[in-house]
Amino acid sequence: MKTLQQIRKEHVLQVLDHTNWDLKKASEMLKVSEGFLKKEIRKIGQTKTPKHTEKTNK
């Protein structure tokens, strides 16, 4: 059985993937502030996805 923390992490990452790591769109979908979302991303230990890294390196 998954913990609430695991479920929360998966949900946040799914929304970020869905929005291509557009924090504004993701925070609107999650109904939280961008600042809260940034803290949540740091908390779960995820800073970038492969897709996000490719975009920023081009």
N, C-alpha and C. Protein backbone atom coordinates (compact mmCIF):
# COMPACT_ATOMS: atom_id res chain seq x y z
N MET A 1 0.84 -1.18 0.00
CA MET A 1 0.00 0.00 0.00
C MET A 1 0.89 1.25 0.00
N LYS A 2 0.53 2.21 -0.82
CA LYS A 2 1.30 3.44 -0.93
C LYS A 2 0.97 4.39 0.23
N THR A 3 1.97 5.16 0.61
CA THR A 3 1.74 6.17 1.63
C THR A 3 1.14 7.41 0.99
N LEU A 4 0.58 8.27 1.81
CA LEU A 4 0.02 9.52 1.32
C LEU A 4 1.12 10.36 0.66
N GLN A 5 2.30 10.33 1.22
CA GLN A 5 3.43 11.08 0.66
C GLN A 5 3.78 10.57 -0.75
N GLN A 6 3.75 9.26 -0.95
CA GLN A 6 4.04 8.70 -2.27
C GLN A 6 2.97 9.09 -3.28
N ILE A 7 1.73 9.04 -2.86
CA ILE A 7 0.62 9.40 -3.74
C ILE A 7 0.71 10.88 -4.12
N ARG A 8 1.01 11.71 -3.13
CA ARG A 8 1.14 13.15 -3.36
C ARG A 8 2.26 13.43 -4.36
N LYS A 9 3.40 12.78 -4.18
CA LYS A 9 4.54 12.96 -5.08
C LYS A 9 4.17 12.56 -6.50
N GLU A 10 3.54 11.40 -6.66
CA GLU A 10 3.16 10.93 -7.99
C GLU A 10 2.19 11.90 -8.65
N HIS A 11 1.24 12.42 -7.88
CA HIS A 11 0.25 13.34 -8.43
C HIS A 11 0.91 14.63 -8.90
N VAL A 12 1.77 15.19 -8.08
CA VAL A 12 2.47 16.43 -8.44
C VAL A 12 3.30 16.20 -9.70
N LEU A 13 4.03 15.10 -9.77
CA LEU A 13 4.86 14.82 -10.95
C LEU A 13 4.01 14.59 -12.20
N GLN A 14 2.85 13.96 -12.05
CA GLN A 14 1.96 13.75 -13.20
C GLN A 14 1.45 15.09 -13.73
N VAL A 15 1.07 15.98 -12.82
CA VAL A 15 0.59 17.30 -13.25
C VAL A 15 1.73 18.07 -13.91
N LEU A 16 2.92 18.02 -13.35
CA LEU A 16 4.06 18.70 -13.95
C LEU A 16 4.36 18.15 -15.34
N ASP A 17 4.32 16.83 -15.50
CA ASP A 17 4.54 16.24 -16.82
C ASP A 17 3.44 16.70 -17.80
N HIS A 18 2.21 16.71 -17.32
CA HIS A 18 1.07 17.10 -18.16
C HIS A 18 1.21 18.53 -18.65
N THR A 19 1.77 19.40 -17.82
CA THR A 19 1.92 20.81 -18.18
C THR A 19 3.31 21.14 -18.73
N ASN A 20 4.10 20.10 -18.98
CA ASN A 20 5.49 20.29 -19.45
C ASN A 20 6.27 21.20 -18.51
N TRP A 21 6.07 21.00 -17.24
CA TRP A 21 6.77 21.73 -16.17
C TRP A 21 6.50 23.23 -16.21
N ASP A 22 5.33 23.61 -16.71
CA ASP A 22 4.91 25.01 -16.64
C ASP A 22 4.33 25.20 -15.23
N LEU A 23 5.12 25.83 -14.35
CA LEU A 23 4.72 25.93 -12.95
C LEU A 23 3.44 26.72 -12.77
N LYS A 24 3.22 27.72 -13.59
CA LYS A 24 1.99 28.51 -13.49
C LYS A 24 0.77 27.63 -13.79
N LYS A 25 0.82 26.90 -14.89
CA LYS A 25 -0.29 26.02 -15.25
C LYS A 25 -0.47 24.92 -14.21
N ALA A 26 0.64 24.33 -13.78
CA ALA A 26 0.56 23.24 -12.80
C ALA A 26 -0.03 23.73 -11.49
N SER A 27 0.39 24.90 -11.04
CA SER A 27 -0.14 25.42 -9.78
C SER A 27 -1.62 25.74 -9.90
N GLU A 28 -2.04 26.21 -11.07
CA GLU A 28 -3.48 26.46 -11.29
C GLU A 28 -4.26 25.15 -11.26
N MET A 29 -3.73 24.12 -11.90
CA MET A 29 -4.42 22.82 -11.89
C MET A 29 -4.52 22.24 -10.48
N LEU A 30 -3.45 22.43 -9.71
CA LEU A 30 -3.42 21.89 -8.35
C LEU A 30 -4.11 22.82 -7.35
N LYS A 31 -4.44 24.02 -7.80
CA LYS A 31 -5.09 25.03 -6.95
C LYS A 31 -4.22 25.39 -5.74
N VAL A 32 -2.94 25.61 -6.04
CA VAL A 32 -1.97 26.07 -5.03
C VAL A 32 -1.16 27.20 -5.65
N SER A 33 -0.45 27.95 -4.82
CA SER A 33 0.40 29.01 -5.35
C SER A 33 1.65 28.41 -5.99
N GLU A 34 2.29 29.19 -6.86
CA GLU A 34 3.54 28.74 -7.46
C GLU A 34 4.61 28.53 -6.40
N GLY A 35 4.64 29.41 -5.41
CA GLY A 35 5.61 29.28 -4.32
C GLY A 35 5.43 27.97 -3.57
N PHE A 36 4.19 27.61 -3.29
CA PHE A 36 3.92 26.35 -2.60
C PHE A 36 4.35 25.18 -3.47
N LEU A 37 4.06 25.26 -4.76
CA LEU A 37 4.44 24.18 -5.67
C LEU A 37 5.95 24.02 -5.72
N LYS A 38 6.68 25.13 -5.77
CA LYS A 38 8.14 25.06 -5.78
C LYS A 38 8.66 24.39 -4.51
N LYS A 39 8.08 24.73 -3.37
CA LYS A 39 8.47 24.09 -2.11
C LYS A 39 8.16 22.60 -2.15
N GLU A 40 7.02 22.25 -2.70
CA GLU A 40 6.62 20.84 -2.79
C GLU A 40 7.58 20.07 -3.69
N ILE A 41 8.02 20.68 -4.78
CA ILE A 41 8.97 20.04 -5.69
C ILE A 41 10.29 19.78 -4.98
N ARG A 42 10.76 20.78 -4.25
CA ARG A 42 12.01 20.59 -3.48
C ARG A 42 11.82 19.51 -2.42
N LYS A 43 10.68 19.51 -1.78
CA LYS A 43 10.38 18.55 -0.71
C LYS A 43 10.40 17.11 -1.21
N ILE A 44 9.88 16.89 -2.40
CA ILE A 44 9.86 15.53 -2.93
C ILE A 44 11.18 15.17 -3.61
N GLY A 45 12.09 16.13 -3.68
CA GLY A 45 13.43 15.85 -4.20
C GLY A 45 13.51 15.78 -5.70
N GLN A 46 12.58 16.41 -6.38
CA GLN A 46 12.57 16.40 -7.83
C GLN A 46 12.76 17.82 -8.32
N THR A 47 13.79 18.07 -9.09
CA THR A 47 14.00 19.42 -9.59
C THR A 47 13.76 19.52 -11.08
N LYS A 48 14.05 18.47 -11.83
CA LYS A 48 13.86 18.51 -13.27
C LYS A 48 13.52 17.12 -13.78
N THR A 49 12.78 17.10 -14.89
CA THR A 49 12.53 15.84 -15.58
C THR A 49 13.40 15.83 -16.82
N PRO A 50 13.59 14.70 -17.45
CA PRO A 50 14.37 14.69 -18.70
C PRO A 50 13.82 15.66 -19.73
N LYS A 51 12.50 15.76 -19.88
CA LYS A 51 11.91 16.69 -20.84
C LYS A 51 12.27 18.12 -20.47
N HIS A 52 12.15 18.45 -19.20
CA HIS A 52 12.44 19.79 -18.72
C HIS A 52 13.90 20.14 -18.95
N THR A 53 14.79 19.21 -18.70
CA THR A 53 16.22 19.41 -18.87
C THR A 53 16.53 19.67 -20.35
N GLU A 54 15.91 18.91 -21.26
CA GLU A 54 16.15 19.11 -22.68
C GLU A 54 15.75 20.50 -23.12
N LYS A 55 14.61 21.00 -22.64
CA LYS A 55 14.14 22.32 -23.03
C LYS A 55 15.09 23.41 -22.57
N THR A 56 15.58 23.29 -21.34
CA THR A 56 16.41 24.35 -20.79
C THR A 56 17.82 24.33 -21.36
N ASN A 57 18.25 23.21 -21.91
CA ASN A 57 19.61 23.10 -22.43
C ASN A 57 19.69 23.48 -23.92
N LYS A 58 18.58 23.71 -24.56
CA LYS A 58 18.60 24.05 -25.98
C LYS A 58 18.84 25.50 -26.19
